[in-house]
Every structure is written in structure tokens, then in C-alpha cells.
Amino acid sequence: MNIRQQKNIDRFTNVHIRSGFTLVETLVAISILLIAVVGPMSAISKSLMQMTIARDQMIAINLAQEGIEAVRQKRDSNVLEVIAGVPGASWMSGLNQPRYKVDLGAVIFCGASCSPLMIDAGTGLYGQALGAVSTPFSREISITGGGTIERKITSTVGWTRGGVLRKVVVSEAIFNWTN
């Protein structure tokens, strides 16, 4: 064997063939990818849930305030009847029961418990109207205090989201401003 042939053989026997990745390199790469993907996905999921909760709270606050406004409107209509001299009119006419619901602006006695609110898909209005789509919200308005000058209105809106019962309560005092 000559020297030239010996060099060719040495060259082929000393060659280390390395193609592809080792198992450890693959596991490290997968771990880095998982951390890079799972972290943001988890943050997005939590953000969407918080956004849903915030939307529901906003709707509930507006529904509660609408209940207060409906009672104030009823009181104002009653006061106008008193001022006009309508026989038997009182500033609290139609507001002497403990529990009410509001349906399209009308304050209605609702007995032991108020039914869940519905939403009219065409108008976007909430109420107890038939043919509307049900919502997770329910609203109850209570009027307390038996004075001749002041009463306390409490509008409570409750709903369930993700198995958790949530509630918004708005209170306000109304007065007989004719005295």
C-alpha cells in the first residue's frame, strides 16, 4: 500500500458523521417553544375572561341604574298628578309594594321573586317581553322606608357567569319634593 492510499483510508476512517439533532437538543427546543406559546395563550385566555366579566358588570350597572330611573320617573309622574289636583294622587302612588321589576320603563310589582330579564334581539332593550332572548341577568327593585318625605330605592341586578353568582347593587333616596 502506498502512502497515497493510506491517506485516503485515514481520511475516511477519521470522519465523524453528524447529521440531525440529538435528543437533548430536540427536547430543549420543544421546551422553549412551549414556553413561548403557552405563556401568551394563557394571558389571552385570562384577558378574554376579564373582558367578559367587565362587559357583564357594565350591563348590570346600567340595568340597575335604569331601575332607579324608572322609579324616579314614576315618582315624578305622581307628583305632577298631585300638583294637577288629581283626586287620590300621592307622590308614592303605585310604589307601595316591597318588590318591583321594570319592563320597558313601566314599574311593575313582581311578587315573591322577579323573573329573569330578556333582551329583544331587534331593539337591544331588556325587559320581561315574550318572544325575546333570555339573558343571565335578573333585576329586582325594592323601596324601603315609610316616611312621608323620603324613601330608599335599591336596584339589584344579579347574574351568573362561569358558575359564579355576581351582583350589582345601586341605591338612591327619593324625596317628596312638593313639600
Foldseek 3Di string as FASTA:
>chain_A
DDPVVVVVVVVVVPDDDDDDDDPVVVVVVVVVVCVVPVVVVVVVVVVVVVVVVVVVVVVQVVLLVLVVVLQVVLLVVLLVCVVVPPPPGASCVPPPDFKWDAAPSHTGHDPPAFDFWFAAPVPRDIGDDPPGHGDQKDKMWGWDDDDRFKIKIKIKIWGDDPNDIDIDIDMDMDTSVVD
